[in-house]
Amino acid sequence: MVMNNYRAGGGGDYLMFKGKPILKDIPMDMAELIANYIIERKTVKVKVNDNWKVIC
């Protein structure tokens, strides 16, 4: 399972993860991880499932 340190520490009422062992810690912001993924692949194919929306 992949999550940020907020959730891993039980934040947002996700207490079931608090105190569990960490198998791999990547000290990098989520936005940077996503940007690197896109930069490396040049093109990212996505499927729309309408489970979220952007509100401006």
PDB file of N, CA and C in Angstrom:
ATOM      1  N   MET A   1       0.838  -1.155   0.000  1.00  0.00           N
ATOM      2  CA  MET A   1       0.000   0.000   0.000  1.00  0.00           C
ATOM      3  C   MET A   1       0.890   1.227   0.000  1.00  0.00           C
ATOM      4  N   VAL A   2       0.497   2.217  -0.759  1.00  0.00           N
ATOM      5  CA  VAL A   2       1.245   3.465  -0.854  1.00  0.00           C
ATOM      6  C   VAL A   2       0.387   4.578  -0.272  1.00  0.00           C
ATOM      7  N   MET A   3       1.008   5.385   0.581  1.00  0.00           N
ATOM      8  CA  MET A   3       0.284   6.519   1.162  1.00  0.00           C
ATOM      9  C   MET A   3       1.259   7.555   1.659  1.00  0.00           C
ATOM     10  N   ASN A   4       0.750   8.742   1.915  1.00  0.00           N
ATOM     11  CA  ASN A   4       1.604   9.789   2.453  1.00  0.00           C
ATOM     12  C   ASN A   4       1.768   9.605   3.966  1.00  0.00           C
ATOM     13  N   ASN A   5       2.678  10.369   4.558  1.00  0.00           N
ATOM     14  CA  ASN A   5       2.962  10.185   5.977  1.00  0.00           C
ATOM     15  C   ASN A   5       1.783  10.600   6.859  1.00  0.00           C
ATOM     16  N   TYR A   6       0.934  11.484   6.380  1.00  0.00           N
ATOM     17  CA  TYR A   6      -0.260  11.877   7.135  1.00  0.00           C
ATOM     18  C   TYR A   6      -1.170  10.672   7.355  1.00  0.00           C
ATOM     19  N   ARG A   7      -1.485   9.971   6.276  1.00  0.00           N
ATOM     20  CA  ARG A   7      -2.342   8.786   6.391  1.00  0.00           C
ATOM     21  C   ARG A   7      -1.635   7.659   7.146  1.00  0.00           C
ATOM     22  N   ALA A   8      -0.352   7.473   6.870  1.00  0.00           N
ATOM     23  CA  ALA A   8       0.391   6.402   7.541  1.00  0.00           C
ATOM     24  C   ALA A   8       0.435   6.607   9.051  1.00  0.00           C
ATOM     25  N   GLY A   9       0.377   7.861   9.483  1.00  0.00           N
ATOM     26  CA  GLY A   9       0.384   8.156  10.916  1.00  0.00           C
ATOM     27  C   GLY A   9      -0.993   8.117  11.541  1.00  0.00           C
ATOM     28  N   GLY A  10      -2.003   7.713  10.790  1.00  0.00           N
ATOM     29  CA  GLY A  10      -3.358   7.594  11.320  1.00  0.00           C
ATOM     30  C   GLY A  10      -4.232   8.795  11.051  1.00  0.00           C
ATOM     31  N   GLY A  11      -3.711   9.788  10.314  1.00  0.00           N
ATOM     32  CA  GLY A  11      -4.485  10.988  10.018  1.00  0.00           C
ATOM     33  C   GLY A  11      -5.721  10.696   9.193  1.00  0.00           C
ATOM     34  N   GLY A  12      -6.737  11.547   9.332  1.00  0.00           N
ATOM     35  CA  GLY A  12      -7.977  11.362   8.585  1.00  0.00           C
ATOM     36  C   GLY A  12      -8.762  10.157   9.055  1.00  0.00           C
ATOM     37  N   ASP A  13      -8.601   9.789  10.306  1.00  0.00           N
ATOM     38  CA  ASP A  13      -9.283   8.625  10.904  1.00  0.00           C
ATOM     39  C   ASP A  13      -8.851   7.294  10.288  1.00  0.00           C
ATOM     40  N   TYR A  14      -7.641   7.240   9.747  1.00  0.00           N
ATOM     41  CA  TYR A  14      -7.088   5.984   9.231  1.00  0.00           C
ATOM     42  C   TYR A  14      -6.189   5.368  10.299  1.00  0.00           C
ATOM     43  N   LEU A  15      -6.739   5.169  11.483  1.00  0.00           N
ATOM     44  CA  LEU A  15      -5.959   4.695  12.624  1.00  0.00           C
ATOM     45  C   LEU A  15      -5.433   3.274  12.437  1.00  0.00           C
ATOM     46  N   MET A  16      -6.025   2.520  11.509  1.00  0.00           N
ATOM     47  CA  MET A  16      -5.573   1.142  11.286  1.00  0.00           C
ATOM     48  C   MET A  16      -4.158   1.071  10.726  1.00  0.00           C
ATOM     49  N   PHE A  17      -3.634   2.198  10.218  1.00  0.00           N
ATOM     50  CA  PHE A  17      -2.275   2.211   9.675  1.00  0.00           C
ATOM     51  C   PHE A  17      -1.244   2.719  10.674  1.00  0.00           C
ATOM     52  N   LYS A  18      -1.686   3.377  11.731  1.00  0.00           N
ATOM     53  CA  LYS A  18      -0.790   3.980  12.710  1.00  0.00           C
ATOM     54  C   LYS A  18       0.056   2.903  13.388  1.00  0.00           C
ATOM     55  N   GLY A  19       1.372   3.118  13.391  1.00  0.00           N
ATOM     56  CA  GLY A  19       2.286   2.200  14.057  1.00  0.00           C
ATOM     57  C   GLY A  19       2.640   0.945  13.272  1.00  0.00           C
ATOM     58  N   LYS A  20       2.131   0.812  12.056  1.00  0.00           N
ATOM     59  CA  LYS A  20       2.450  -0.366  11.231  1.00  0.00           C
ATOM     60  C   LYS A  20       3.843  -0.211  10.632  1.00  0.00           C
ATOM     61  N   PRO A  21       4.489  -1.333  10.305  1.00  0.00           N
ATOM     62  CA  PRO A  21       5.850  -1.251   9.751  1.00  0.00           C
ATOM     63  C   PRO A  21       5.880  -0.580   8.373  1.00  0.00           C
ATOM     64  N   ILE A  22       6.923   0.189   8.141  1.00  0.00           N
ATOM     65  CA  ILE A  22       7.139   0.840   6.850  1.00  0.00           C
ATOM     66  C   ILE A  22       8.144   0.001   6.076  1.00  0.00           C
ATOM     67  N   LEU A  23       7.759  -0.485   4.908  1.00  0.00           N
ATOM     68  CA  LEU A  23       8.634  -1.325   4.102  1.00  0.00           C
ATOM     69  C   LEU A  23       9.595  -0.500   3.268  1.00  0.00           C
ATOM     70  N   LYS A  24       9.131   0.664   2.803  1.00  0.00           N
ATOM     71  CA  LYS A  24       9.989   1.529   2.004  1.00  0.00           C
ATOM     72  C   LYS A  24       9.536   2.965   2.195  1.00  0.00           C
ATOM     73  N   ASP A  25      10.468   3.821   2.538  1.00  0.00           N
ATOM     74  CA  ASP A  25      10.177   5.236   2.732  1.00  0.00           C
ATOM     75  C   ASP A  25      10.824   6.022   1.599  1.00  0.00           C
ATOM     76  N   ILE A  26      10.028   6.746   0.847  1.00  0.00           N
ATOM     77  CA  ILE A  26      10.538   7.559  -0.256  1.00  0.00           C
ATOM     78  C   ILE A  26      10.337   9.018   0.149  1.00  0.00           C
ATOM     79  N   PRO A  27      11.401   9.697   0.576  1.00  0.00           N
ATOM     80  CA  PRO A  27      11.269  11.075   1.060  1.00  0.00           C
ATOM     81  C   PRO A  27      11.152  12.090  -0.078  1.00  0.00           C
ATOM     82  N   MET A  28      10.043  12.021  -0.795  1.00  0.00           N
ATOM     83  CA  MET A  28       9.831  12.904  -1.941  1.00  0.00           C
ATOM     84  C   MET A  28       8.347  13.278  -1.962  1.00  0.00           C
ATOM     85  N   ASP A  29       8.052  14.515  -2.338  1.00  0.00           N
ATOM     86  CA  ASP A  29       6.661  14.945  -2.427  1.00  0.00           C
ATOM     87  C   ASP A  29       5.911  14.152  -3.484  1.00  0.00           C
ATOM     88  N   MET A  30       4.631  13.922  -3.227  1.00  0.00           N
ATOM     89  CA  MET A  30       3.781  13.189  -4.155  1.00  0.00           C
ATOM     90  C   MET A  30       3.768  13.851  -5.532  1.00  0.00           C
ATOM     91  N   ALA A  31       3.697  15.192  -5.556  1.00  0.00           N
ATOM     92  CA  ALA A  31       3.663  15.914  -6.835  1.00  0.00           C
ATOM     93  C   ALA A  31       4.937  15.660  -7.632  1.00  0.00           C
ATOM     94  N   GLU A  32       6.072  15.595  -6.956  1.00  0.00           N
ATOM     95  CA  GLU A  32       7.337  15.327  -7.643  1.00  0.00           C
ATOM     96  C   GLU A  32       7.381  13.902  -8.189  1.00  0.00           C
ATOM     97  N   LEU A  33       6.860  12.958  -7.438  1.00  0.00           N
ATOM     98  CA  LEU A  33       6.793  11.566  -7.913  1.00  0.00           C
ATOM     99  C   LEU A  33       5.948  11.467  -9.182  1.00  0.00           C
ATOM    100  N   ILE A  34       4.796  12.131  -9.170  1.00  0.00           N
ATOM    101  CA  ILE A  34       3.906  12.094 -10.333  1.00  0.00           C
ATOM    102  C   ILE A  34       4.558  12.796 -11.525  1.00  0.00           C
ATOM    103  N   ALA A  35       5.178  13.944 -11.279  1.00  0.00           N
ATOM    104  CA  ALA A  35       5.848  14.673 -12.363  1.00  0.00           C
ATOM    105  C   ALA A  35       6.954  13.831 -12.982  1.00  0.00           C
ATOM    106  N   ASN A  36       7.763  13.190 -12.155  1.00  0.00           N
ATOM    107  CA  ASN A  36       8.838  12.331 -12.673  1.00  0.00           C
ATOM    108  C   ASN A  36       8.290  11.183 -13.502  1.00  0.00           C
ATOM    109  N   TYR A  37       7.193  10.601 -13.058  1.00  0.00           N
ATOM    110  CA  TYR A  37       6.545   9.506 -13.795  1.00  0.00           C
ATOM    111  C   TYR A  37       6.154   9.982 -15.197  1.00  0.00           C
ATOM    112  N   ILE A  38       5.537  11.147 -15.273  1.00  0.00           N
ATOM    113  CA  ILE A  38       5.092  11.684 -16.560  1.00  0.00           C
ATOM    114  C   ILE A  38       6.288  12.062 -17.437  1.00  0.00           C
ATOM    115  N   ILE A  39       7.286  12.688 -16.858  1.00  0.00           N
ATOM    116  CA  ILE A  39       8.487  13.077 -17.615  1.00  0.00           C
ATOM    117  C   ILE A  39       9.178  11.859 -18.212  1.00  0.00           C
ATOM    118  N   GLU A  40       9.292  10.785 -17.451  1.00  0.00           N
ATOM    119  CA  GLU A  40       9.968   9.571 -17.924  1.00  0.00           C
ATOM    120  C   GLU A  40       9.207   8.897 -19.055  1.00  0.00           C
ATOM    121  N   ARG A  41       7.884   8.926 -19.004  1.00  0.00           N
ATOM    122  CA  ARG A  41       7.084   8.189 -19.977  1.00  0.00           C
ATOM    123  C   ARG A  41       6.646   9.031 -21.170  1.00  0.00           C
ATOM    124  N   LYS A  42       6.754  10.344 -21.086  1.00  0.00           N
ATOM    125  CA  LYS A  42       6.379  11.282 -22.140  1.00  0.00           C
ATOM    126  C   LYS A  42       4.874  11.311 -22.408  1.00  0.00           C
ATOM    127  N   THR A  43       4.232  10.159 -22.449  1.00  0.00           N
ATOM    128  CA  THR A  43       2.797  10.057 -22.684  1.00  0.00           C
ATOM    129  C   THR A  43       2.201   9.142 -21.623  1.00  0.00           C
ATOM    130  N   VAL A  44       1.121   9.573 -21.044  1.00  0.00           N
ATOM    131  CA  VAL A  44       0.443   8.766 -20.034  1.00  0.00           C
ATOM    132  C   VAL A  44      -0.986   8.550 -20.501  1.00  0.00           C
ATOM    133  N   LYS A  45      -1.370   7.303 -20.681  1.00  0.00           N
ATOM    134  CA  LYS A  45      -2.729   6.973 -21.099  1.00  0.00           C
ATOM    135  C   LYS A  45      -3.596   6.857 -19.851  1.00  0.00           C
ATOM    136  N   VAL A  46      -4.750   7.469 -19.910  1.00  0.00           N
ATOM    137  CA  VAL A  46      -5.661   7.443 -18.771  1.00  0.00           C
ATOM    138  C   VAL A  46      -7.049   7.009 -19.218  1.00  0.00           C
ATOM    139  N   LYS A  47      -7.812   6.487 -18.288  1.00  0.00           N
ATOM    140  CA  LYS A  47      -9.205   6.133 -18.528  1.00  0.00           C
ATOM    141  C   LYS A  47     -10.063   6.982 -17.609  1.00  0.00           C
ATOM    142  N   VAL A  48     -11.158   7.472 -18.111  1.00  0.00           N
ATOM    143  CA  VAL A  48     -12.065   8.291 -17.325  1.00  0.00           C
ATOM    144  C   VAL A  48     -13.089   7.385 -16.652  1.00  0.00           C
ATOM    145  N   ASN A  49     -13.212   7.506 -15.314  1.00  0.00           N
ATOM    146  CA  ASN A  49     -14.244   6.731 -14.620  1.00  0.00           C
ATOM    147  C   ASN A  49     -15.198   7.646 -13.846  1.00  0.00           C
ATOM    148  N   ASP A  50     -15.038   8.959 -14.024  1.00  0.00           N
ATOM    149  CA  ASP A  50     -15.941   9.957 -13.454  1.00  0.00           C
ATOM    150  C   ASP A  50     -16.114   9.851 -11.938  1.00  0.00           C
ATOM    151  N   ASN A  51     -15.059   9.431 -11.227  1.00  0.00           N
ATOM    152  CA  ASN A  51     -15.167   9.340  -9.768  1.00  0.00           C
ATOM    153  C   ASN A  51     -14.617  10.576  -9.062  1.00  0.00           C
ATOM    154  N   TRP A  52     -14.265  11.615  -9.827  1.00  0.00           N
ATOM    155  CA  TRP A  52     -13.795  12.873  -9.237  1.00  0.00           C
ATOM    156  C   TRP A  52     -13.996  13.995 -10.231  1.00  0.00           C
ATOM    157  N   LYS A  53     -13.908  15.232  -9.769  1.00  0.00           N
ATOM    158  CA  LYS A  53     -14.041  16.372 -10.667  1.00  0.00           C
ATOM    159  C   LYS A  53     -13.226  17.532 -10.119  1.00  0.00           C
ATOM    160  N   VAL A  54     -12.890  18.451 -11.006  1.00  0.00           N
ATOM    161  CA  VAL A  54     -12.148  19.649 -10.650  1.00  0.00           C
ATOM    162  C   VAL A  54     -13.149  20.793 -10.559  1.00  0.00           C
ATOM    163  N   ILE A  55     -13.126  21.505  -9.433  1.00  0.00           N
ATOM    164  CA  ILE A  55     -14.010  22.648  -9.234  1.00  0.00           C
ATOM    165  C   ILE A  55     -13.148  23.891  -9.164  1.00  0.00           C
ATOM    166  N   CYS A  56     -13.411  24.829 -10.070  1.00  0.00           N
ATOM    167  CA  CYS A  56     -12.637  26.079 -10.106  1.00  0.00           C
ATOM    168  C   CYS A  56     -13.373  27.195  -9.425  1.00  0.00           C
TER     169      CYS A  56
END
